[in-house]
Amino acid sequence: MSLLDVRGLRVSYDNADAVKDLSFTLQAGETLALVGESGCGKSTTALALMGLLPDNARLGGQVLFEGRDLLAMPPANGANCRAVHRA
């Protein structure tokens, strides 16, 4: 089983796609870097994975963490998740 399996992630705001059909898989111990030009969806992807998108964002696809769909969980279930943002 994968540690993190992102399948067809989509994020849009007012009919404009911020992230479109993003898929990747991470195994335990692997590292992933999101790189790209300004405005290409890196921060939006990270916010979507952490459940921190603003209310006006429309979200689709699946984000499976250890087989559990994070997008289908109530927000309280993610209370023990942490992220470190470095600029």
PDB file of N, CA and C in Angstrom:
ATOM      1  N   MET A   1       0.842  -1.183   0.000  1.00  0.00           N
ATOM      2  CA  MET A   1       0.000   0.000   0.000  1.00  0.00           C
ATOM      3  C   MET A   1       0.888   1.247   0.000  1.00  0.00           C
ATOM      4  N   SER A   2       0.496   2.236  -0.759  1.00  0.00           N
ATOM      5  CA  SER A   2       1.206   3.518  -0.834  1.00  0.00           C
ATOM      6  C   SER A   2       0.957   4.330   0.430  1.00  0.00           C
ATOM      7  N   LEU A   3       1.914   5.159   0.778  1.00  0.00           N
ATOM      8  CA  LEU A   3       1.711   6.093   1.877  1.00  0.00           C
ATOM      9  C   LEU A   3       0.742   7.186   1.446  1.00  0.00           C
ATOM     10  N   LEU A   4       0.980   7.763   0.259  1.00  0.00           N
ATOM     11  CA  LEU A   4       0.127   8.818  -0.281  1.00  0.00           C
ATOM     12  C   LEU A   4      -0.134   8.535  -1.749  1.00  0.00           C
ATOM     13  N   ASP A   5      -1.397   8.513  -2.114  1.00  0.00           N
ATOM     14  CA  ASP A   5      -1.797   8.243  -3.494  1.00  0.00           C
ATOM     15  C   ASP A   5      -2.790   9.324  -3.916  1.00  0.00           C
ATOM     16  N   VAL A   6      -2.344  10.210  -4.788  1.00  0.00           N
ATOM     17  CA  VAL A   6      -3.185  11.303  -5.282  1.00  0.00           C
ATOM     18  C   VAL A   6      -3.660  10.919  -6.674  1.00  0.00           C
ATOM     19  N   ARG A   7      -4.977  10.935  -6.877  1.00  0.00           N
ATOM     20  CA  ARG A   7      -5.568  10.487  -8.136  1.00  0.00           C
ATOM     21  C   ARG A   7      -6.489  11.561  -8.716  1.00  0.00           C
ATOM     22  N   GLY A   8      -6.075  12.142  -9.818  1.00  0.00           N
ATOM     23  CA  GLY A   8      -6.923  13.093 -10.535  1.00  0.00           C
ATOM     24  C   GLY A   8      -7.326  14.312  -9.734  1.00  0.00           C
ATOM     25  N   LEU A   9      -6.419  14.839  -8.929  1.00  0.00           N
ATOM     26  CA  LEU A   9      -6.731  16.009  -8.102  1.00  0.00           C
ATOM     27  C   LEU A   9      -7.081  17.200  -8.986  1.00  0.00           C
ATOM     28  N   ARG A  10      -8.200  17.838  -8.659  1.00  0.00           N
ATOM     29  CA  ARG A  10      -8.661  19.022  -9.377  1.00  0.00           C
ATOM     30  C   ARG A  10      -9.057  20.087  -8.351  1.00  0.00           C
ATOM     31  N   VAL A  11      -8.595  21.299  -8.585  1.00  0.00           N
ATOM     32  CA  VAL A  11      -8.992  22.440  -7.755  1.00  0.00           C
ATOM     33  C   VAL A  11      -9.327  23.580  -8.696  1.00  0.00           C
ATOM     34  N   SER A  12     -10.483  24.185  -8.488  1.00  0.00           N
ATOM     35  CA  SER A  12     -10.860  25.324  -9.323  1.00  0.00           C
ATOM     36  C   SER A  12     -11.504  26.405  -8.468  1.00  0.00           C
ATOM     37  N   TYR A  13     -11.412  27.617  -8.992  1.00  0.00           N
ATOM     38  CA  TYR A  13     -12.029  28.797  -8.385  1.00  0.00           C
ATOM     39  C   TYR A  13     -12.810  29.505  -9.482  1.00  0.00           C
ATOM     40  N   ASP A  14     -14.103  29.661  -9.323  1.00  0.00           N
ATOM     41  CA  ASP A  14     -14.921  30.415 -10.285  1.00  0.00           C
ATOM     42  C   ASP A  14     -14.650  30.019 -11.738  1.00  0.00           C
ATOM     43  N   ASN A  15     -14.780  28.766 -12.061  1.00  0.00           N
ATOM     44  CA  ASN A  15     -14.601  28.244 -13.426  1.00  0.00           C
ATOM     45  C   ASN A  15     -13.168  28.293 -13.938  1.00  0.00           C
ATOM     46  N   ALA A  16     -12.194  28.675 -13.122  1.00  0.00           N
ATOM     47  CA  ALA A  16     -10.784  28.684 -13.532  1.00  0.00           C
ATOM     48  C   ALA A  16     -10.058  27.553 -12.805  1.00  0.00           C
ATOM     49  N   ASP A  17      -9.414  26.672 -13.565  1.00  0.00           N
ATOM     50  CA  ASP A  17      -8.679  25.559 -12.971  1.00  0.00           C
ATOM     51  C   ASP A  17      -7.362  26.045 -12.386  1.00  0.00           C
ATOM     52  N   ALA A  18      -7.122  25.717 -11.116  1.00  0.00           N
ATOM     53  CA  ALA A  18      -5.837  25.994 -10.481  1.00  0.00           C
ATOM     54  C   ALA A  18      -4.951  24.753 -10.531  1.00  0.00           C
ATOM     55  N   VAL A  19      -5.560  23.585 -10.401  1.00  0.00           N
ATOM     56  CA  VAL A  19      -4.886  22.290 -10.522  1.00  0.00           C
ATOM     57  C   VAL A  19      -5.820  21.405 -11.323  1.00  0.00           C
ATOM     58  N   LYS A  20      -5.277  20.721 -12.324  1.00  0.00           N
ATOM     59  CA  LYS A  20      -6.127  19.917 -13.201  1.00  0.00           C
ATOM     60  C   LYS A  20      -5.517  18.532 -13.401  1.00  0.00           C
ATOM     61  N   ASP A  21      -6.215  17.506 -12.901  1.00  0.00           N
ATOM     62  CA  ASP A  21      -5.874  16.104 -13.137  1.00  0.00           C
ATOM     63  C   ASP A  21      -4.453  15.749 -12.694  1.00  0.00           C
ATOM     64  N   LEU A  22      -4.101  16.094 -11.458  1.00  0.00           N
ATOM     65  CA  LEU A  22      -2.785  15.780 -10.901  1.00  0.00           C
ATOM     66  C   LEU A  22      -2.836  14.417 -10.226  1.00  0.00           C
ATOM     67  N   SER A  23      -1.907  13.548 -10.577  1.00  0.00           N
ATOM     68  CA  SER A  23      -1.816  12.221  -9.968  1.00  0.00           C
ATOM     69  C   SER A  23      -0.363  11.901  -9.649  1.00  0.00           C
ATOM     70  N   PHE A  24      -0.129  11.332  -8.475  1.00  0.00           N
ATOM     71  CA  PHE A  24       1.193  10.817  -8.111  1.00  0.00           C
ATOM     72  C   PHE A  24       1.040   9.877  -6.926  1.00  0.00           C
ATOM     73  N   THR A  25       2.058   9.060  -6.718  1.00  0.00           N
ATOM     74  CA  THR A  25       2.077   8.108  -5.610  1.00  0.00           C
ATOM     75  C   THR A  25       3.401   8.236  -4.875  1.00  0.00           C
ATOM     76  N   LEU A  26       3.339   8.207  -3.550  1.00  0.00           N
ATOM     77  CA  LEU A  26       4.540   8.220  -2.718  1.00  0.00           C
ATOM     78  C   LEU A  26       4.534   6.997  -1.814  1.00  0.00           C
ATOM     79  N   GLN A  27       5.663   6.331  -1.755  1.00  0.00           N
ATOM     80  CA  GLN A  27       5.858   5.232  -0.820  1.00  0.00           C
ATOM     81  C   GLN A  27       6.528   5.798   0.435  1.00  0.00           C
ATOM     82  N   ALA A  28       6.445   5.078   1.538  1.00  0.00           N
ATOM     83  CA  ALA A  28       7.112   5.500   2.771  1.00  0.00           C
ATOM     84  C   ALA A  28       8.600   5.693   2.494  1.00  0.00           C
ATOM     85  N   GLY A  29       9.165   6.793   2.965  1.00  0.00           N
ATOM     86  CA  GLY A  29      10.577   7.088   2.790  1.00  0.00           C
ATOM     87  C   GLY A  29      10.913   7.868   1.532  1.00  0.00           C
ATOM     88  N   GLU A  30       9.967   7.993   0.611  1.00  0.00           N
ATOM     89  CA  GLU A  30      10.209   8.765  -0.608  1.00  0.00           C
ATOM     90  C   GLU A  30       9.973  10.250  -0.356  1.00  0.00           C
ATOM     91  N   THR A  31      10.567  11.076  -1.203  1.00  0.00           N
ATOM     92  CA  THR A  31      10.423  12.525  -1.133  1.00  0.00           C
ATOM     93  C   THR A  31       9.916  13.036  -2.470  1.00  0.00           C
ATOM     94  N   LEU A  32       9.052  14.029  -2.428  1.00  0.00           N
ATOM     95  CA  LEU A  32       8.523  14.650  -3.640  1.00  0.00           C
ATOM     96  C   LEU A  32       8.723  16.152  -3.539  1.00  0.00           C
ATOM     97  N   ALA A  33       9.198  16.756  -4.603  1.00  0.00           N
ATOM     98  CA  ALA A  33       9.320  18.213  -4.670  1.00  0.00           C
ATOM     99  C   ALA A  33       8.365  18.724  -5.735  1.00  0.00           C
ATOM    100  N   LEU A  34       7.569  19.719  -5.391  1.00  0.00           N
ATOM    101  CA  LEU A  34       6.699  20.384  -6.358  1.00  0.00           C
ATOM    102  C   LEU A  34       7.436  21.625  -6.839  1.00  0.00           C
ATOM    103  N   VAL A  35       7.787  21.646  -8.107  1.00  0.00           N
ATOM    104  CA  VAL A  35       8.520  22.777  -8.675  1.00  0.00           C
ATOM    105  C   VAL A  35       7.786  23.290  -9.902  1.00  0.00           C
ATOM    106  N   GLY A  36       7.937  24.563 -10.184  1.00  0.00           N
ATOM    107  CA  GLY A  36       7.314  25.136 -11.365  1.00  0.00           C
ATOM    108  C   GLY A  36       7.234  26.642 -11.257  1.00  0.00           C
ATOM    109  N   GLU A  37       6.730  27.232 -12.312  1.00  0.00           N
ATOM    110  CA  GLU A  37       6.605  28.682 -12.375  1.00  0.00           C
ATOM    111  C   GLU A  37       5.583  29.191 -11.370  1.00  0.00           C
ATOM    112  N   SER A  38       5.676  30.462 -11.077  1.00  0.00           N
ATOM    113  CA  SER A  38       4.709  31.116 -10.213  1.00  0.00           C
ATOM    114  C   SER A  38       3.313  30.968 -10.808  1.00  0.00           C
ATOM    115  N   GLY A  39       2.361  30.591  -9.962  1.00  0.00           N
ATOM    116  CA  GLY A  39       0.982  30.477 -10.416  1.00  0.00           C
ATOM    117  C   GLY A  39       0.619  29.156 -11.053  1.00  0.00           C
ATOM    118  N   CYS A  40       1.517  28.157 -10.989  1.00  0.00           N
ATOM    119  CA  CYS A  40       1.218  26.887 -11.663  1.00  0.00           C
ATOM    120  C   CYS A  40       0.468  25.896 -10.780  1.00  0.00           C
ATOM    121  N   GLY A  41       0.232  26.220  -9.498  1.00  0.00           N
ATOM    122  CA  GLY A  41      -0.588  25.361  -8.650  1.00  0.00           C
ATOM    123  C   GLY A  41       0.142  24.626  -7.536  1.00  0.00           C
ATOM    124  N   LYS A  42       1.396  24.953  -7.289  1.00  0.00           N
ATOM    125  CA  LYS A  42       2.160  24.266  -6.240  1.00  0.00           C
ATOM    126  C   LYS A  42       1.535  24.482  -4.861  1.00  0.00           C
ATOM    127  N   SER A  43       1.317  25.718  -4.489  1.00  0.00           N
ATOM    128  CA  SER A  43       0.747  26.021  -3.171  1.00  0.00           C
ATOM    129  C   SER A  43      -0.680  25.517  -3.065  1.00  0.00           C
ATOM    130  N   THR A  44      -1.441  25.647  -4.129  1.00  0.00           N
ATOM    131  CA  THR A  44      -2.819  25.152  -4.130  1.00  0.00           C
ATOM    132  C   THR A  44      -2.840  23.650  -3.917  1.00  0.00           C
ATOM    133  N   THR A  45      -1.912  22.936  -4.541  1.00  0.00           N
ATOM    134  CA  THR A  45      -1.822  21.488  -4.347  1.00  0.00           C
ATOM    135  C   THR A  45      -1.535  21.165  -2.886  1.00  0.00           C
ATOM    136  N   ALA A  46      -0.561  21.847  -2.294  1.00  0.00           N
ATOM    137  CA  ALA A  46      -0.222  21.601  -0.892  1.00  0.00           C
ATOM    138  C   ALA A  46      -1.404  21.905   0.024  1.00  0.00           C
ATOM    139  N   LEU A  47      -2.083  23.011  -0.215  1.00  0.00           N
ATOM    140  CA  LEU A  47      -3.248  23.362   0.602  1.00  0.00           C
ATOM    141  C   LEU A  47      -4.360  22.333   0.455  1.00  0.00           C
ATOM    142  N   ALA A  48      -4.560  21.830  -0.757  1.00  0.00           N
ATOM    143  CA  ALA A  48      -5.582  20.805  -0.987  1.00  0.00           C
ATOM    144  C   ALA A  48      -5.246  19.528  -0.223  1.00  0.00           C
ATOM    145  N   LEU A  49      -3.986  19.121  -0.237  1.00  0.00           N
ATOM    146  CA  LEU A  49      -3.577  17.903   0.463  1.00  0.00           C
ATOM    147  C   LEU A  49      -3.765  18.026   1.966  1.00  0.00           C
ATOM    148  N   MET A  50      -3.638  19.251   2.498  1.00  0.00           N
ATOM    149  CA  MET A  50      -3.789  19.476   3.934  1.00  0.00           C
ATOM    150  C   MET A  50      -5.208  19.862   4.330  1.00  0.00           C
ATOM    151  N   GLY A  51      -6.110  19.996   3.362  1.00  0.00           N
ATOM    152  CA  GLY A  51      -7.480  20.379   3.675  1.00  0.00           C
ATOM    153  C   GLY A  51      -7.617  21.827   4.087  1.00  0.00           C
ATOM    154  N   LEU A  52      -6.771  22.695   3.554  1.00  0.00           N
ATOM    155  CA  LEU A  52      -6.760  24.101   3.962  1.00  0.00           C
ATOM    156  C   LEU A  52      -7.172  25.060   2.853  1.00  0.00           C
ATOM    157  N   LEU A  53      -7.887  24.580   1.867  1.00  0.00           N
ATOM    158  CA  LEU A  53      -8.344  25.454   0.784  1.00  0.00           C
ATOM    159  C   LEU A  53      -9.429  26.398   1.279  1.00  0.00           C
ATOM    160  N   PRO A  54      -9.540  27.584   0.686  1.00  0.00           N
ATOM    161  CA  PRO A  54     -10.629  28.494   1.065  1.00  0.00           C
ATOM    162  C   PRO A  54     -11.989  27.916   0.670  1.00  0.00           C
ATOM    163  N   ASP A  55     -13.024  28.438   1.274  1.00  0.00           N
ATOM    164  CA  ASP A  55     -14.376  27.921   1.059  1.00  0.00           C
ATOM    165  C   ASP A  55     -14.845  28.008  -0.384  1.00  0.00           C
ATOM    166  N   ASN A  56     -14.328  28.951  -1.164  1.00  0.00           N
ATOM    167  CA  ASN A  56     -14.800  29.105  -2.540  1.00  0.00           C
ATOM    168  C   ASN A  56     -14.096  28.168  -3.525  1.00  0.00           C
ATOM    169  N   ALA A  57     -13.192  27.330  -3.044  1.00  0.00           N
ATOM    170  CA  ALA A  57     -12.493  26.379  -3.920  1.00  0.00           C
ATOM    171  C   ALA A  57     -13.368  25.151  -4.155  1.00  0.00           C
ATOM    172  N   ARG A  58     -13.368  24.672  -5.390  1.00  0.00           N
ATOM    173  CA  ARG A  58     -14.041  23.407  -5.721  1.00  0.00           C
ATOM    174  C   ARG A  58     -12.959  22.354  -5.880  1.00  0.00           C
ATOM    175  N   LEU A  59     -13.164  21.221  -5.234  1.00  0.00           N
ATOM    176  CA  LEU A  59     -12.146  20.188  -5.139  1.00  0.00           C
ATOM    177  C   LEU A  59     -12.684  18.875  -5.671  1.00  0.00           C
ATOM    178  N   GLY A  60     -11.841  18.135  -6.405  1.00  0.00           N
ATOM    179  CA  GLY A  60     -12.241  16.832  -6.910  1.00  0.00           C
ATOM    180  C   GLY A  60     -11.058  15.882  -6.944  1.00  0.00           C
ATOM    181  N   GLY A  61     -11.332  14.637  -7.217  1.00  0.00           N
ATOM    182  CA  GLY A  61     -10.307  13.607  -7.251  1.00  0.00           C
ATOM    183  C   GLY A  61     -10.255  12.866  -5.932  1.00  0.00           C
ATOM    184  N   GLN A  62      -9.167  12.133  -5.728  1.00  0.00           N
ATOM    185  CA  GLN A  62      -8.968  11.385  -4.489  1.00  0.00           C
ATOM    186  C   GLN A  62      -7.581  11.655  -3.943  1.00  0.00           C
ATOM    187  N   VAL A  63      -7.493  11.749  -2.617  1.00  0.00           N
ATOM    188  CA  VAL A  63      -6.217  11.832  -1.918  1.00  0.00           C
ATOM    189  C   VAL A  63      -6.257  10.748  -0.851  1.00  0.00           C
ATOM    190  N   LEU A  64      -5.535   9.669  -1.098  1.00  0.00           N
ATOM    191  CA  LEU A  64      -5.528   8.538  -0.177  1.00  0.00           C
ATOM    192  C   LEU A  64      -4.252   8.559   0.653  1.00  0.00           C
ATOM    193  N   PHE A  65      -4.404   8.597   1.968  1.00  0.00           N
ATOM    194  CA  PHE A  65      -3.276   8.506   2.890  1.00  0.00           C
ATOM    195  C   PHE A  65      -3.411   7.194   3.633  1.00  0.00           C
ATOM    196  N   GLU A  66      -2.457   6.306   3.422  1.00  0.00           N
ATOM    197  CA  GLU A  66      -2.514   4.956   3.983  1.00  0.00           C
ATOM    198  C   GLU A  66      -3.865   4.312   3.692  1.00  0.00           C
ATOM    199  N   GLY A  67      -4.371   4.535   2.479  1.00  0.00           N
ATOM    200  CA  GLY A  67      -5.621   3.920   2.036  1.00  0.00           C
ATOM    201  C   GLY A  67      -6.886   4.650   2.436  1.00  0.00           C
ATOM    202  N   ARG A  68      -6.788   5.682   3.258  1.00  0.00           N
ATOM    203  CA  ARG A  68      -7.972   6.439   3.692  1.00  0.00           C
ATOM    204  C   ARG A  68      -8.106   7.697   2.849  1.00  0.00           C
ATOM    205  N   ASP A  69      -9.315   7.954   2.361  1.00  0.00           N
ATOM    206  CA  ASP A  69      -9.558   9.114   1.499  1.00  0.00           C
ATOM    207  C   ASP A  69      -9.654  10.376   2.352  1.00  0.00           C
ATOM    208  N   LEU A  70      -8.615  11.197   2.283  1.00  0.00           N
ATOM    209  CA  LEU A  70      -8.583  12.419   3.092  1.00  0.00           C
ATOM    210  C   LEU A  70      -9.669  13.412   2.699  1.00  0.00           C
ATOM    211  N   LEU A  71     -10.030  13.441   1.420  1.00  0.00           N
ATOM    212  CA  LEU A  71     -11.035  14.409   0.974  1.00  0.00           C
ATOM    213  C   LEU A  71     -12.432  14.059   1.469  1.00  0.00           C
ATOM    214  N   ALA A  72     -12.638  12.804   1.854  1.00  0.00           N
ATOM    215  CA  ALA A  72     -13.946  12.374   2.339  1.00  0.00           C
ATOM    216  C   ALA A  72     -14.049  12.438   3.862  1.00  0.00           C
ATOM    217  N   MET A  73     -12.940  12.720   4.547  1.00  0.00           N
ATOM    218  CA  MET A  73     -12.937  12.750   6.015  1.00  0.00           C
ATOM    219  C   MET A  73     -13.411  14.091   6.541  1.00  0.00           C
ATOM    220  N   PRO A  74     -14.060  14.086   7.701  1.00  0.00           N
ATOM    221  CA  PRO A  74     -14.378  15.356   8.360  1.00  0.00           C
ATOM    222  C   PRO A  74     -13.079  16.068   8.744  1.00  0.00           C
ATOM    223  N   PRO A  75     -13.066  17.404   8.745  1.00  0.00           N
ATOM    224  CA  PRO A  75     -11.844  18.153   9.061  1.00  0.00           C
ATOM    225  C   PRO A  75     -11.216  17.776  10.398  1.00  0.00           C
ATOM    226  N   ALA A  76     -12.003  17.429  11.390  1.00  0.00           N
ATOM    227  CA  ALA A  76     -11.461  17.099  12.711  1.00  0.00           C
ATOM    228  C   ALA A  76     -10.534  15.889  12.659  1.00  0.00           C
ATOM    229  N   ASN A  77     -10.713  14.998  11.687  1.00  0.00           N
ATOM    230  CA  ASN A  77      -9.852  13.820  11.588  1.00  0.00           C
ATOM    231  C   ASN A  77      -8.432  14.181  11.187  1.00  0.00           C
ATOM    232  N   GLY A  78      -8.211  15.348  10.628  1.00  0.00           N
ATOM    233  CA  GLY A  78      -6.875  15.764  10.230  1.00  0.00           C
ATOM    234  C   GLY A  78      -6.168  16.605  11.277  1.00  0.00           C
ATOM    235  N   ALA A  79      -6.711  16.657  12.470  1.00  0.00           N
ATOM    236  CA  ALA A  79      -6.166  17.531  13.508  1.00  0.00           C
ATOM    237  C   ALA A  79      -4.727  17.197  13.880  1.00  0.00           C
ATOM    238  N   ASN A  80      -4.295  15.967  13.678  1.00  0.00           N
ATOM    239  CA  ASN A  80      -2.935  15.583  14.044  1.00  0.00           C
ATOM    240  C   ASN A  80      -1.951  15.704  12.889  1.00  0.00           C
ATOM    241  N   CYS A  81      -2.375  16.200  11.743  1.00  0.00           N
ATOM    242  CA  CYS A  81      -1.484  16.387  10.595  1.00  0.00           C
ATOM    243  C   CYS A  81      -0.732  17.703  10.752  1.00  0.00           C
ATOM    244  N   ARG A  82       0.516  17.705  10.309  1.00  0.00           N
ATOM    245  CA  ARG A  82       1.339  18.907  10.391  1.00  0.00           C
ATOM    246  C   ARG A  82       2.037  19.142   9.066  1.00  0.00           C
ATOM    247  N   ALA A  83       2.392  20.382   8.816  1.00  0.00           N
ATOM    248  CA  ALA A  83       3.146  20.732   7.614  1.00  0.00           C
ATOM    249  C   ALA A  83       4.169  21.797   7.986  1.00  0.00           C
ATOM    250  N   VAL A  84       5.291  21.765   7.306  1.00  0.00           N
ATOM    251  CA  VAL A  84       6.318  22.782   7.485  1.00  0.00           C
ATOM    252  C   VAL A  84       6.518  23.451   6.139  1.00  0.00           C
ATOM    253  N   HIS A  85       6.274  24.748   6.075  1.00  0.00           N
ATOM    254  CA  HIS A  85       6.429  25.502   4.833  1.00  0.00           C
ATOM    255  C   HIS A  85       7.723  26.284   4.918  1.00  0.00           C
ATOM    256  N   ARG A  86       8.552  26.111   3.894  1.00  0.00           N
ATOM    257  CA  ARG A  86       9.817  26.853   3.849  1.00  0.00           C
ATOM    258  C   ARG A  86       9.874  27.657   2.574  1.00  0.00           C
ATOM    259  N   ALA A  87      10.186  28.915   2.704  1.00  0.00           N
ATOM    260  CA  ALA A  87      10.279  29.789   1.524  1.00  0.00           C
ATOM    261  C   ALA A  87      11.707  29.929   1.070  1.00  0.00           C
TER     262      ALA A  87
END
